[in-house]
Amino acid sequence: MRILHTMLRVTNLEQSLAFYTNILGMRCLRRNDYPQGRFTLAFVGYQDEAQAACLELTYNWDCNHYEHGDAYGHIALAMTDIQQACADIEARGGKLIRPPGPMRHGNTVIAFIEDPDGYKIELIERD
């Protein structure tokens, strides 16, 4: 078994696709409209779905607001140079909500950004 994808409900599919592809550098792997169900699914990721997990962005045509709830935490992405990654993300219009620095009670360098729907994304510096 392996993880295939994580699904996020988004309120503006084009804005979310622009964020994940233009700001975070993912590729749109596939996109399908379901007119009878009035929703669109778009899958984004860094590798093909056969190789790695991806994100499923679900856009329900008749819904423009979601509550995140208190159980949702964040998505995590690894990178080798977190300072440069944060500078690049901000230069492309991304919202940095916690600048790079050591995590509390540890030495791992992390930062947090937010997607257009307010979902938190943790950036983790790795060798």
N, C-alpha and C. Protein backbone atom coordinates (compact mmCIF):
# COMPACT_ATOMS: atom_id res chain seq x y z
N MET A 1 0.83 -1.19 0.00
CA MET A 1 0.00 0.00 0.00
C MET A 1 0.87 1.25 0.00
N ARG A 2 0.30 2.33 -0.48
CA ARG A 2 0.97 3.63 -0.41
C ARG A 2 -0.08 4.73 -0.43
N ILE A 3 0.28 5.89 0.05
CA ILE A 3 -0.62 7.04 0.00
C ILE A 3 -0.70 7.52 -1.44
N LEU A 4 -1.92 7.72 -1.95
CA LEU A 4 -2.11 8.20 -3.32
C LEU A 4 -2.21 9.71 -3.38
N HIS A 5 -3.12 10.27 -2.57
CA HIS A 5 -3.30 11.72 -2.58
C HIS A 5 -3.98 12.19 -1.30
N THR A 6 -3.91 13.49 -1.09
CA THR A 6 -4.66 14.17 -0.04
C THR A 6 -5.58 15.15 -0.73
N MET A 7 -6.84 15.20 -0.31
CA MET A 7 -7.81 16.06 -0.97
C MET A 7 -8.05 17.33 -0.15
N LEU A 8 -8.05 18.47 -0.83
CA LEU A 8 -8.41 19.75 -0.24
C LEU A 8 -9.57 20.33 -1.03
N ARG A 9 -10.57 20.84 -0.34
CA ARG A 9 -11.67 21.55 -1.02
C ARG A 9 -11.25 23.00 -1.18
N VAL A 10 -11.36 23.50 -2.40
CA VAL A 10 -10.94 24.87 -2.69
C VAL A 10 -12.12 25.69 -3.20
N THR A 11 -12.05 27.00 -2.96
CA THR A 11 -13.17 27.87 -3.35
C THR A 11 -12.97 28.55 -4.69
N ASN A 12 -11.74 28.58 -5.19
CA ASN A 12 -11.45 29.17 -6.50
C ASN A 12 -10.38 28.29 -7.15
N LEU A 13 -10.80 27.41 -8.04
CA LEU A 13 -9.88 26.43 -8.60
C LEU A 13 -8.74 27.07 -9.37
N GLU A 14 -9.03 28.07 -10.17
CA GLU A 14 -7.96 28.70 -10.97
C GLU A 14 -6.92 29.36 -10.07
N GLN A 15 -7.37 30.02 -9.02
CA GLN A 15 -6.46 30.67 -8.07
C GLN A 15 -5.62 29.61 -7.35
N SER A 16 -6.23 28.51 -6.95
CA SER A 16 -5.50 27.44 -6.28
C SER A 16 -4.50 26.76 -7.21
N LEU A 17 -4.91 26.50 -8.44
CA LEU A 17 -3.99 25.91 -9.42
C LEU A 17 -2.80 26.83 -9.66
N ALA A 18 -3.04 28.12 -9.75
CA ALA A 18 -1.95 29.09 -9.95
C ALA A 18 -1.00 29.06 -8.75
N PHE A 19 -1.53 28.97 -7.55
CA PHE A 19 -0.69 28.92 -6.35
C PHE A 19 0.18 27.67 -6.36
N TYR A 20 -0.43 26.51 -6.51
CA TYR A 20 0.33 25.27 -6.42
C TYR A 20 1.30 25.06 -7.59
N THR A 21 0.96 25.58 -8.77
CA THR A 21 1.87 25.41 -9.91
C THR A 21 2.87 26.56 -10.03
N ASN A 22 2.42 27.79 -10.01
CA ASN A 22 3.31 28.93 -10.22
C ASN A 22 4.13 29.30 -8.99
N ILE A 23 3.56 29.19 -7.81
CA ILE A 23 4.26 29.60 -6.60
C ILE A 23 5.04 28.44 -5.98
N LEU A 24 4.43 27.24 -5.94
CA LEU A 24 5.12 26.09 -5.34
C LEU A 24 5.80 25.18 -6.37
N GLY A 25 5.59 25.42 -7.65
CA GLY A 25 6.30 24.67 -8.67
C GLY A 25 5.79 23.27 -8.95
N MET A 26 4.58 22.95 -8.50
CA MET A 26 3.99 21.65 -8.82
C MET A 26 3.49 21.67 -10.26
N ARG A 27 3.16 20.50 -10.78
CA ARG A 27 2.55 20.38 -12.11
C ARG A 27 1.10 19.97 -11.94
N CYS A 28 0.25 20.44 -12.84
CA CYS A 28 -1.13 19.95 -12.88
C CYS A 28 -1.06 18.60 -13.60
N LEU A 29 -1.31 17.53 -12.87
CA LEU A 29 -1.18 16.18 -13.40
C LEU A 29 -2.40 15.75 -14.21
N ARG A 30 -3.56 16.17 -13.76
CA ARG A 30 -4.81 15.91 -14.50
C ARG A 30 -5.93 16.74 -13.91
N ARG A 31 -6.94 16.94 -14.73
CA ARG A 31 -8.08 17.76 -14.32
C ARG A 31 -9.31 17.23 -15.03
N ASN A 32 -10.40 17.03 -14.26
CA ASN A 32 -11.63 16.51 -14.84
C ASN A 32 -12.83 17.25 -14.27
N ASP A 33 -13.74 17.64 -15.16
CA ASP A 33 -15.01 18.25 -14.77
C ASP A 33 -16.07 17.16 -14.70
N TYR A 34 -16.95 17.28 -13.72
CA TYR A 34 -18.06 16.36 -13.54
C TYR A 34 -19.35 17.18 -13.50
N PRO A 35 -19.88 17.56 -14.69
CA PRO A 35 -21.03 18.45 -14.74
C PRO A 35 -22.26 17.94 -14.00
N GLN A 36 -22.52 16.63 -14.06
CA GLN A 36 -23.70 16.11 -13.37
C GLN A 36 -23.56 16.26 -11.86
N GLY A 37 -22.36 16.14 -11.34
CA GLY A 37 -22.13 16.32 -9.91
C GLY A 37 -21.78 17.74 -9.53
N ARG A 38 -21.56 18.59 -10.54
CA ARG A 38 -21.23 20.00 -10.37
C ARG A 38 -19.95 20.19 -9.55
N PHE A 39 -18.88 19.47 -9.96
CA PHE A 39 -17.59 19.63 -9.32
C PHE A 39 -16.48 19.34 -10.32
N THR A 40 -15.28 19.83 -9.99
CA THR A 40 -14.07 19.59 -10.77
C THR A 40 -13.00 19.07 -9.84
N LEU A 41 -12.24 18.08 -10.32
CA LEU A 41 -11.09 17.56 -9.59
C LEU A 41 -9.83 17.89 -10.37
N ALA A 42 -8.85 18.46 -9.69
CA ALA A 42 -7.54 18.73 -10.30
C ALA A 42 -6.49 18.14 -9.38
N PHE A 43 -5.56 17.39 -9.96
CA PHE A 43 -4.50 16.75 -9.19
C PHE A 43 -3.18 17.45 -9.50
N VAL A 44 -2.46 17.86 -8.45
CA VAL A 44 -1.19 18.56 -8.60
C VAL A 44 -0.12 17.83 -7.80
N GLY A 45 1.12 17.91 -8.30
CA GLY A 45 2.22 17.28 -7.58
C GLY A 45 3.54 17.54 -8.25
N TYR A 46 4.59 17.05 -7.64
CA TYR A 46 5.95 17.21 -8.17
C TYR A 46 6.36 16.05 -9.06
N GLN A 47 5.71 14.91 -8.92
CA GLN A 47 6.02 13.73 -9.73
C GLN A 47 4.71 13.13 -10.22
N ASP A 48 4.81 12.24 -11.20
CA ASP A 48 3.63 11.55 -11.67
C ASP A 48 2.99 10.76 -10.53
N GLU A 49 1.69 10.58 -10.61
CA GLU A 49 0.96 9.88 -9.56
C GLU A 49 1.45 8.44 -9.36
N ALA A 50 1.98 7.82 -10.38
CA ALA A 50 2.50 6.45 -10.26
C ALA A 50 3.75 6.42 -9.39
N GLN A 51 4.42 7.57 -9.23
CA GLN A 51 5.67 7.62 -8.49
C GLN A 51 5.54 8.20 -7.08
N ALA A 52 4.60 9.11 -6.87
CA ALA A 52 4.53 9.81 -5.59
C ALA A 52 3.11 10.29 -5.32
N ALA A 53 2.84 10.56 -4.05
CA ALA A 53 1.55 11.10 -3.65
C ALA A 53 1.39 12.52 -4.20
N CYS A 54 0.15 12.94 -4.34
CA CYS A 54 -0.13 14.28 -4.86
C CYS A 54 -1.29 14.89 -4.07
N LEU A 55 -1.67 16.09 -4.47
CA LEU A 55 -2.82 16.77 -3.86
C LEU A 55 -3.98 16.76 -4.85
N GLU A 56 -5.15 16.43 -4.36
CA GLU A 56 -6.37 16.54 -5.15
C GLU A 56 -7.07 17.81 -4.71
N LEU A 57 -7.24 18.74 -5.64
CA LEU A 57 -7.97 19.97 -5.37
C LEU A 57 -9.39 19.76 -5.86
N THR A 58 -10.35 19.79 -4.94
CA THR A 58 -11.75 19.58 -5.28
C THR A 58 -12.47 20.91 -5.27
N TYR A 59 -13.04 21.25 -6.41
CA TYR A 59 -13.81 22.50 -6.54
C TYR A 59 -15.27 22.14 -6.75
N ASN A 60 -16.09 22.40 -5.74
CA ASN A 60 -17.54 22.21 -5.84
C ASN A 60 -18.13 23.50 -6.37
N TRP A 61 -18.74 23.43 -7.53
CA TRP A 61 -19.16 24.62 -8.25
C TRP A 61 -20.11 25.52 -7.47
N ASP A 62 -20.86 24.97 -6.55
CA ASP A 62 -21.88 25.76 -5.85
C ASP A 62 -21.49 26.12 -4.41
N CYS A 63 -20.21 26.00 -4.07
CA CYS A 63 -19.78 26.29 -2.70
C CYS A 63 -18.61 27.27 -2.74
N ASN A 64 -18.70 28.33 -1.94
CA ASN A 64 -17.62 29.32 -1.94
C ASN A 64 -17.00 29.56 -0.56
N HIS A 65 -17.29 28.64 0.39
CA HIS A 65 -16.71 28.78 1.72
C HIS A 65 -16.66 27.42 2.41
N TYR A 66 -15.56 27.16 3.11
CA TYR A 66 -15.41 25.94 3.90
C TYR A 66 -14.81 26.30 5.25
N GLU A 67 -15.16 25.53 6.26
CA GLU A 67 -14.53 25.63 7.57
C GLU A 67 -13.44 24.58 7.61
N HIS A 68 -12.24 24.95 8.03
CA HIS A 68 -11.14 23.99 8.11
C HIS A 68 -11.28 23.04 9.29
N GLY A 69 -11.96 23.45 10.31
CA GLY A 69 -12.08 22.61 11.50
C GLY A 69 -10.79 22.66 12.30
N ASP A 70 -10.81 22.07 13.47
CA ASP A 70 -9.62 22.11 14.31
C ASP A 70 -8.81 20.83 14.25
N ALA A 71 -9.18 19.89 13.39
CA ALA A 71 -8.42 18.66 13.25
C ALA A 71 -7.37 18.77 12.15
N TYR A 72 -7.56 19.65 11.18
CA TYR A 72 -6.61 19.80 10.09
C TYR A 72 -5.35 20.47 10.61
N GLY A 73 -4.21 19.97 10.18
CA GLY A 73 -2.93 20.56 10.59
C GLY A 73 -2.27 21.29 9.45
N HIS A 74 -1.56 20.57 8.59
CA HIS A 74 -0.85 21.21 7.49
C HIS A 74 -0.34 20.16 6.52
N ILE A 75 0.10 20.63 5.38
CA ILE A 75 0.82 19.84 4.38
C ILE A 75 2.29 20.18 4.61
N ALA A 76 3.19 19.23 4.41
CA ALA A 76 4.63 19.50 4.60
C ALA A 76 5.38 19.24 3.30
N LEU A 77 6.31 20.15 3.00
CA LEU A 77 7.17 20.04 1.82
C LEU A 77 8.62 20.15 2.25
N ALA A 78 9.48 19.31 1.68
CA ALA A 78 10.91 19.35 2.00
C ALA A 78 11.65 20.17 0.96
N MET A 79 12.70 20.86 1.40
CA MET A 79 13.56 21.63 0.49
C MET A 79 14.95 21.73 1.07
N THR A 80 15.93 21.98 0.20
CA THR A 80 17.31 22.03 0.67
C THR A 80 17.71 23.42 1.16
N ASP A 81 17.17 24.49 0.61
CA ASP A 81 17.52 25.85 1.01
C ASP A 81 16.25 26.61 1.33
N ILE A 82 15.83 26.55 2.59
CA ILE A 82 14.55 27.13 2.99
C ILE A 82 14.55 28.65 2.88
N GLN A 83 15.67 29.30 3.14
CA GLN A 83 15.74 30.76 3.01
C GLN A 83 15.44 31.18 1.58
N GLN A 84 16.09 30.53 0.62
CA GLN A 84 15.88 30.85 -0.79
C GLN A 84 14.47 30.48 -1.23
N ALA A 85 13.98 29.33 -0.76
CA ALA A 85 12.63 28.90 -1.11
C ALA A 85 11.60 29.93 -0.64
N CYS A 86 11.74 30.41 0.59
CA CYS A 86 10.80 31.42 1.11
C CYS A 86 10.89 32.72 0.33
N ALA A 87 12.11 33.14 -0.01
CA ALA A 87 12.28 34.36 -0.80
C ALA A 87 11.62 34.20 -2.16
N ASP A 88 11.80 33.05 -2.78
CA ASP A 88 11.19 32.79 -4.10
C ASP A 88 9.67 32.77 -4.00
N ILE A 89 9.14 32.12 -2.97
CA ILE A 89 7.69 32.03 -2.79
C ILE A 89 7.10 33.42 -2.58
N GLU A 90 7.73 34.23 -1.75
CA GLU A 90 7.24 35.61 -1.54
C GLU A 90 7.34 36.43 -2.81
N ALA A 91 8.42 36.27 -3.57
CA ALA A 91 8.60 37.03 -4.81
C ALA A 91 7.52 36.67 -5.83
N ARG A 92 7.01 35.45 -5.77
CA ARG A 92 5.96 35.01 -6.70
C ARG A 92 4.56 35.28 -6.14
N GLY A 93 4.49 35.96 -4.98
CA GLY A 93 3.19 36.34 -4.43
C GLY A 93 2.66 35.44 -3.34
N GLY A 94 3.45 34.48 -2.88
CA GLY A 94 3.02 33.59 -1.80
C GLY A 94 3.01 34.30 -0.46
N LYS A 95 2.20 33.80 0.46
CA LYS A 95 2.04 34.42 1.78
C LYS A 95 2.83 33.64 2.82
N LEU A 96 3.92 34.22 3.31
CA LEU A 96 4.74 33.63 4.35
C LEU A 96 4.13 34.02 5.70
N ILE A 97 3.77 33.02 6.52
CA ILE A 97 3.14 33.33 7.81
C ILE A 97 4.05 33.01 8.99
N ARG A 98 5.15 32.29 8.75
CA ARG A 98 6.18 32.07 9.78
C ARG A 98 7.50 31.98 9.06
N PRO A 99 8.39 32.94 9.29
CA PRO A 99 9.68 32.93 8.59
C PRO A 99 10.53 31.73 8.99
N PRO A 100 11.51 31.39 8.19
CA PRO A 100 12.37 30.25 8.49
C PRO A 100 13.09 30.42 9.83
N GLY A 101 13.16 29.32 10.56
CA GLY A 101 13.86 29.30 11.84
C GLY A 101 13.69 27.94 12.47
N PRO A 102 14.42 27.69 13.55
CA PRO A 102 14.32 26.39 14.20
C PRO A 102 12.93 26.19 14.81
N MET A 103 12.45 24.97 14.73
CA MET A 103 11.16 24.66 15.36
C MET A 103 11.31 24.73 16.87
N ARG A 104 10.21 25.00 17.54
CA ARG A 104 10.24 25.02 19.00
C ARG A 104 10.65 23.65 19.52
N HIS A 105 11.51 23.63 20.48
CA HIS A 105 11.95 22.40 21.14
C HIS A 105 12.72 21.48 20.20
N GLY A 106 13.38 22.05 19.17
CA GLY A 106 14.16 21.22 18.26
C GLY A 106 15.09 22.06 17.42
N ASN A 107 15.78 21.41 16.52
CA ASN A 107 16.75 22.10 15.67
C ASN A 107 16.34 22.17 14.20
N THR A 108 15.31 21.43 13.81
CA THR A 108 14.89 21.42 12.42
C THR A 108 14.43 22.82 12.01
N VAL A 109 14.91 23.29 10.86
CA VAL A 109 14.53 24.61 10.37
C VAL A 109 13.25 24.47 9.55
N ILE A 110 12.24 25.25 9.93
CA ILE A 110 10.94 25.20 9.27
C ILE A 110 10.45 26.62 8.98
N ALA A 111 9.45 26.69 8.13
CA ALA A 111 8.72 27.93 7.85
C ALA A 111 7.29 27.51 7.51
N PHE A 112 6.37 28.45 7.51
CA PHE A 112 4.99 28.16 7.12
C PHE A 112 4.52 29.20 6.11
N ILE A 113 3.79 28.71 5.12
CA ILE A 113 3.11 29.56 4.16
C ILE A 113 1.64 29.18 4.18
N GLU A 114 0.83 29.94 3.44
CA GLU A 114 -0.61 29.70 3.40
C GLU A 114 -1.06 29.72 1.96
N ASP A 115 -1.96 28.80 1.59
CA ASP A 115 -2.49 28.80 0.23
C ASP A 115 -3.67 29.77 0.14
N PRO A 116 -4.27 29.96 -1.04
CA PRO A 116 -5.37 30.93 -1.17
C PRO A 116 -6.58 30.66 -0.29
N ASP A 117 -6.79 29.40 0.11
CA ASP A 117 -7.92 29.08 0.99
C ASP A 117 -7.53 29.06 2.46
N GLY A 118 -6.30 29.45 2.77
CA GLY A 118 -5.87 29.50 4.16
C GLY A 118 -5.31 28.20 4.70
N TYR A 119 -5.12 27.20 3.83
CA TYR A 119 -4.50 25.95 4.28
C TYR A 119 -3.03 26.21 4.58
N LYS A 120 -2.54 25.70 5.70
CA LYS A 120 -1.15 25.88 6.10
C LYS A 120 -0.26 24.86 5.39
N ILE A 121 0.91 25.31 4.97
CA ILE A 121 1.91 24.45 4.34
C ILE A 121 3.22 24.68 5.06
N GLU A 122 3.76 23.60 5.64
CA GLU A 122 5.03 23.68 6.35
C GLU A 122 6.16 23.38 5.37
N LEU A 123 7.18 24.23 5.41
CA LEU A 123 8.39 24.02 4.62
C LEU A 123 9.45 23.52 5.60
N ILE A 124 10.10 22.41 5.27
CA ILE A 124 11.09 21.80 6.15
C ILE A 124 12.40 21.70 5.40
N GLU A 125 13.45 22.26 6.00
CA GLU A 125 14.78 22.20 5.36
C GLU A 125 15.39 20.82 5.59
N ARG A 126 15.78 20.20 4.50
CA ARG A 126 16.44 18.88 4.53
C ARG A 126 17.67 18.92 3.66
N ASP A 127 18.66 18.09 4.00
CA ASP A 127 19.89 18.02 3.19
C ASP A 127 19.61 17.38 1.85
